[in-house]
Amino acid sequence: MLEYTEQRVFACDGPALAAALPAAVHRGAFVGVAELPPHLPGKVGFAGRGMKGDWGLVPEVLLSVGSLSQGTAVEVRVGAALEQNTLVLAVLLLVFCWPAALVCGLLAYQSFLARRAATMQAVWVSIAGAAGVAISQPGVYGVG
């Protein structure tokens, strides 16, 4: 419900793109990412968390880079982490004033959907720039 995943294929060198990903994601979405330990042979993973959230939802970005016959596949997953203070406030609102909790919950969810789409687009534009691909060229990257 709070996570969204997209995968695209870029016609470029995998290790060079993987090396450029942390800076590209930070530049595009202001999310600092760090490399994860290898989880599958031939795949490189990165994870990071945003510095500031709206309504207590802080964006989290997970990246996975792997080689395919067509090029380099990049998978981006954008999700959210709920801050502890927000969780406590939500429980208190739910117990004492459930209509306010419902309205706040809906407003937070709508805000997160808009922010998630903006974060995903900013990440893809930065990755495409690091790969040397113009984002406006249809069919150059993308699997779906």
C-alpha atoms as a PDB file:
ATOM      1  CA  MET A   1       0.000   0.000   0.000  1.00  0.00           C
ATOM      2  CA  LEU A   2       2.817   2.408   0.758  1.00  0.00           C
ATOM      3  CA  GLU A   3       5.411   0.876  -1.589  1.00  0.00           C
ATOM      4  CA  TYR A   4       5.693   1.213  -5.339  1.00  0.00           C
ATOM      5  CA  THR A   5       8.237  -0.502  -7.598  1.00  0.00           C
ATOM      6  CA  GLU A   6       9.349   0.214 -11.157  1.00  0.00           C
ATOM      7  CA  GLN A   7      12.019  -1.443 -13.271  1.00  0.00           C
ATOM      8  CA  ARG A   8      13.715  -0.064 -16.367  1.00  0.00           C
ATOM      9  CA  VAL A   9      16.525  -1.258 -18.606  1.00  0.00           C
ATOM     10  CA  PHE A  10      19.304   1.105 -19.676  1.00  0.00           C
ATOM     11  CA  ALA A  11      21.692   0.402 -22.534  1.00  0.00           C
ATOM     12  CA  CYS A  12      24.874   1.246 -20.632  1.00  0.00           C
ATOM     13  CA  ASP A  13      27.648  -0.277 -18.532  1.00  0.00           C
ATOM     14  CA  GLY A  14      26.320  -1.794 -15.288  1.00  0.00           C
ATOM     15  CA  PRO A  15      29.233  -1.114 -12.918  1.00  0.00           C
ATOM     16  CA  ALA A  16      29.554   2.494 -14.095  1.00  0.00           C
ATOM     17  CA  LEU A  17      25.832   3.073 -13.580  1.00  0.00           C
ATOM     18  CA  ALA A  18      25.925   1.401 -10.155  1.00  0.00           C
ATOM     19  CA  ALA A  19      28.789   3.682  -9.126  1.00  0.00           C
ATOM     20  CA  ALA A  20      26.842   6.770 -10.224  1.00  0.00           C
ATOM     21  CA  LEU A  21      23.554   5.800  -8.521  1.00  0.00           C
ATOM     22  CA  PRO A  22      24.130   7.157  -4.983  1.00  0.00           C
ATOM     23  CA  ALA A  23      24.983  10.647  -6.222  1.00  0.00           C
ATOM     24  CA  ALA A  24      22.172  10.602  -8.797  1.00  0.00           C
ATOM     25  CA  VAL A  25      19.530   9.600  -6.251  1.00  0.00           C
ATOM     26  CA  HIS A  26      20.725  12.174  -3.731  1.00  0.00           C
ATOM     27  CA  ARG A  27      20.697  14.881  -6.401  1.00  0.00           C
ATOM     28  CA  GLY A  28      17.224  13.921  -7.632  1.00  0.00           C
ATOM     29  CA  ALA A  29      15.295  13.025  -4.491  1.00  0.00           C
ATOM     30  CA  PHE A  30      17.461  14.271  -1.594  1.00  0.00           C
ATOM     31  CA  VAL A  31      17.713  10.716  -0.280  1.00  0.00           C
ATOM     32  CA  GLY A  32      21.140   9.514   0.789  1.00  0.00           C
ATOM     33  CA  VAL A  33      21.637   5.860  -0.183  1.00  0.00           C
ATOM     34  CA  ALA A  34      24.285   3.385   0.900  1.00  0.00           C
ATOM     35  CA  GLU A  35      25.325   0.144  -0.733  1.00  0.00           C
ATOM     36  CA  LEU A  36      23.867  -3.034   0.749  1.00  0.00           C
ATOM     37  CA  PRO A  37      25.779  -6.297   1.147  1.00  0.00           C
ATOM     38  CA  PRO A  38      25.482  -8.493  -1.970  1.00  0.00           C
ATOM     39  CA  HIS A  39      22.228 -10.456  -1.890  1.00  0.00           C
ATOM     40  CA  LEU A  40      22.371 -12.133  -5.329  1.00  0.00           C
ATOM     41  CA  PRO A  41      25.335 -12.773  -7.611  1.00  0.00           C
ATOM     42  CA  GLY A  42      25.618 -10.050 -10.229  1.00  0.00           C
ATOM     43  CA  LYS A  43      23.239  -7.652  -8.445  1.00  0.00           C
ATOM     44  CA  VAL A  44      24.106  -4.529  -6.496  1.00  0.00           C
ATOM     45  CA  GLY A  45      21.657  -3.037  -4.011  1.00  0.00           C
ATOM     46  CA  PHE A  46      21.319   0.366  -2.381  1.00  0.00           C
ATOM     47  CA  ALA A  47      18.992   1.612   0.356  1.00  0.00           C
ATOM     48  CA  GLY A  48      18.329   5.019   1.811  1.00  0.00           C
ATOM     49  CA  ARG A  49      15.903   7.117   3.782  1.00  0.00           C
ATOM     50  CA  GLY A  50      14.783  10.689   3.221  1.00  0.00           C
ATOM     51  CA  MET A  51      15.716  13.419   5.635  1.00  0.00           C
ATOM     52  CA  LYS A  52      12.297  14.992   6.012  1.00  0.00           C
ATOM     53  CA  GLY A  53       8.786  13.654   5.810  1.00  0.00           C
ATOM     54  CA  ASP A  54       5.274  14.996   5.535  1.00  0.00           C
ATOM     55  CA  TRP A  55       2.627  13.907   8.030  1.00  0.00           C
ATOM     56  CA  GLY A  56       5.240  11.725   9.723  1.00  0.00           C
ATOM     57  CA  LEU A  57       5.845   9.589   6.613  1.00  0.00           C
ATOM     58  CA  VAL A  58       9.508   9.607   5.598  1.00  0.00           C
ATOM     59  CA  PRO A  59      10.343   8.290   2.097  1.00  0.00           C
ATOM     60  CA  GLU A  60      12.568   5.236   1.763  1.00  0.00           C
ATOM     61  CA  VAL A  61      14.262   4.287  -1.493  1.00  0.00           C
ATOM     62  CA  LEU A  62      15.608   0.845  -2.394  1.00  0.00           C
ATOM     63  CA  LEU A  63      17.581   0.333  -5.613  1.00  0.00           C
ATOM     64  CA  SER A  64      18.722  -2.858  -7.281  1.00  0.00           C
ATOM     65  CA  VAL A  65      21.046  -2.980 -10.301  1.00  0.00           C
ATOM     66  CA  GLY A  66      21.656  -6.105 -12.371  1.00  0.00           C
ATOM     67  CA  SER A  67      22.852  -7.059 -15.842  1.00  0.00           C
ATOM     68  CA  LEU A  68      20.550  -8.345 -18.566  1.00  0.00           C
ATOM     69  CA  SER A  69      21.168  -9.247 -22.191  1.00  0.00           C
ATOM     70  CA  GLN A  70      19.547  -5.944 -23.281  1.00  0.00           C
ATOM     71  CA  GLY A  71      21.602  -3.800 -20.889  1.00  0.00           C
ATOM     72  CA  THR A  72      21.496  -2.904 -17.224  1.00  0.00           C
ATOM     73  CA  ALA A  73      18.268  -3.349 -15.272  1.00  0.00           C
ATOM     74  CA  VAL A  74      17.556  -0.860 -12.508  1.00  0.00           C
ATOM     75  CA  GLU A  75      14.726  -1.484 -10.071  1.00  0.00           C
ATOM     76  CA  VAL A  76      13.545   1.372  -7.857  1.00  0.00           C
ATOM     77  CA  ARG A  77      11.214   0.856  -4.899  1.00  0.00           C
ATOM     78  CA  VAL A  78       9.845   3.879  -3.064  1.00  0.00           C
ATOM     79  CA  GLY A  79       8.124   3.324   0.257  1.00  0.00           C
ATOM     80  CA  ALA A  80       7.527   5.089   3.526  1.00  0.00           C
ATOM     81  CA  ALA A  81       8.527   4.722   7.140  1.00  0.00           C
ATOM     82  CA  LEU A  82       6.208   5.965   9.858  1.00  0.00           C
ATOM     83  CA  GLU A  83       7.882   8.057  12.532  1.00  0.00           C
ATOM     84  CA  GLN A  84       7.287   6.987  16.126  1.00  0.00           C
ATOM     85  CA  ASN A  85       5.782  10.311  17.242  1.00  0.00           C
ATOM     86  CA  THR A  86       3.260  10.145  14.415  1.00  0.00           C
ATOM     87  CA  LEU A  87       2.266   6.625  15.375  1.00  0.00           C
ATOM     88  CA  VAL A  88       1.641   7.682  18.991  1.00  0.00           C
ATOM     89  CA  LEU A  89      -0.391  10.694  17.846  1.00  0.00           C
ATOM     90  CA  ALA A  90      -2.425   8.525  15.464  1.00  0.00           C
ATOM     91  CA  VAL A  91      -3.290   6.063  18.240  1.00  0.00           C
ATOM     92  CA  LEU A  92      -4.316   8.882  20.583  1.00  0.00           C
ATOM     93  CA  LEU A  93      -6.467  10.477  17.887  1.00  0.00           C
ATOM     94  CA  LEU A  94      -8.016   7.124  17.072  1.00  0.00           C
ATOM     95  CA  VAL A  95      -8.938   6.509  20.708  1.00  0.00           C
ATOM     96  CA  PHE A  96     -10.185   9.967  21.616  1.00  0.00           C
ATOM     97  CA  CYS A  97     -11.410  11.445  18.334  1.00  0.00           C
ATOM     98  CA  TRP A  98     -11.713   8.862  15.575  1.00  0.00           C
ATOM     99  CA  PRO A  99     -13.190  11.249  12.936  1.00  0.00           C
ATOM    100  CA  ALA A 100     -10.109  13.464  13.199  1.00  0.00           C
ATOM    101  CA  ALA A 101      -7.901  10.368  12.943  1.00  0.00           C
ATOM    102  CA  LEU A 102      -9.740   9.314   9.783  1.00  0.00           C
ATOM    103  CA  VAL A 103      -9.404  12.742   8.150  1.00  0.00           C
ATOM    104  CA  CYS A 104      -5.722  13.053   9.106  1.00  0.00           C
ATOM    105  CA  GLY A 105      -5.037   9.546   7.837  1.00  0.00           C
ATOM    106  CA  LEU A 106      -6.642  10.270   4.464  1.00  0.00           C
ATOM    107  CA  LEU A 107      -4.797  13.587   4.130  1.00  0.00           C
ATOM    108  CA  ALA A 108      -1.485  11.913   4.990  1.00  0.00           C
ATOM    109  CA  TYR A 109      -2.098   9.124   2.464  1.00  0.00           C
ATOM    110  CA  GLN A 110      -2.968  11.586  -0.330  1.00  0.00           C
ATOM    111  CA  SER A 111       0.108  13.654   0.469  1.00  0.00           C
ATOM    112  CA  PHE A 112       2.276  10.547   0.419  1.00  0.00           C
ATOM    113  CA  LEU A 113       0.913   9.397  -2.964  1.00  0.00           C
ATOM    114  CA  ALA A 114       1.816  12.739  -4.523  1.00  0.00           C
ATOM    115  CA  ARG A 115       5.225  12.781  -2.870  1.00  0.00           C
ATOM    116  CA  ARG A 116       5.933   9.168  -3.876  1.00  0.00           C
ATOM    117  CA  ALA A 117       5.203   9.958  -7.538  1.00  0.00           C
ATOM    118  CA  ALA A 118       7.432  13.042  -7.422  1.00  0.00           C
ATOM    119  CA  THR A 119      10.230  11.091  -5.732  1.00  0.00           C
ATOM    120  CA  MET A 120      10.001   8.260  -8.275  1.00  0.00           C
ATOM    121  CA  GLN A 121      10.104  10.691 -11.195  1.00  0.00           C
ATOM    122  CA  ALA A 122      13.053  12.604  -9.723  1.00  0.00           C
ATOM    123  CA  VAL A 123      14.979   9.376  -9.172  1.00  0.00           C
ATOM    124  CA  TRP A 124      14.381   8.182 -12.751  1.00  0.00           C
ATOM    125  CA  VAL A 125      15.384  11.529 -14.258  1.00  0.00           C
ATOM    126  CA  SER A 126      18.624  11.520 -12.241  1.00  0.00           C
ATOM    127  CA  ILE A 127      19.400   7.885 -13.110  1.00  0.00           C
ATOM    128  CA  ALA A 128      18.720   8.535 -16.801  1.00  0.00           C
ATOM    129  CA  GLY A 129      21.068  11.503 -16.638  1.00  0.00           C
ATOM    130  CA  ALA A 130      23.766   9.356 -15.007  1.00  0.00           C
ATOM    131  CA  ALA A 131      23.258   6.717 -17.729  1.00  0.00           C
ATOM    132  CA  GLY A 132      23.534   9.357 -20.438  1.00  0.00           C
ATOM    133  CA  VAL A 133      19.992   8.751 -21.719  1.00  0.00           C
ATOM    134  CA  ALA A 134      17.565  11.572 -22.403  1.00  0.00           C
ATOM    135  CA  ILE A 135      14.385  11.006 -20.403  1.00  0.00           C
ATOM    136  CA  SER A 136      12.182  12.258 -23.243  1.00  0.00           C
ATOM    137  CA  GLN A 137      13.230   9.515 -25.674  1.00  0.00           C
ATOM    138  CA  PRO A 138      10.424   6.924 -25.679  1.00  0.00           C
ATOM    139  CA  GLY A 139      11.433   3.286 -25.801  1.00  0.00           C
ATOM    140  CA  VAL A 140      15.113   3.853 -25.027  1.00  0.00           C
ATOM    141  CA  TYR A 141      14.662   2.611 -21.494  1.00  0.00           C
ATOM    142  CA  GLY A 142      11.849   0.874 -19.750  1.00  0.00           C
ATOM    143  CA  VAL A 143      10.341  -2.546 -19.486  1.00  0.00           C
ATOM    144  CA  GLY A 144       6.729  -1.819 -18.942  1.00  0.00           C
END
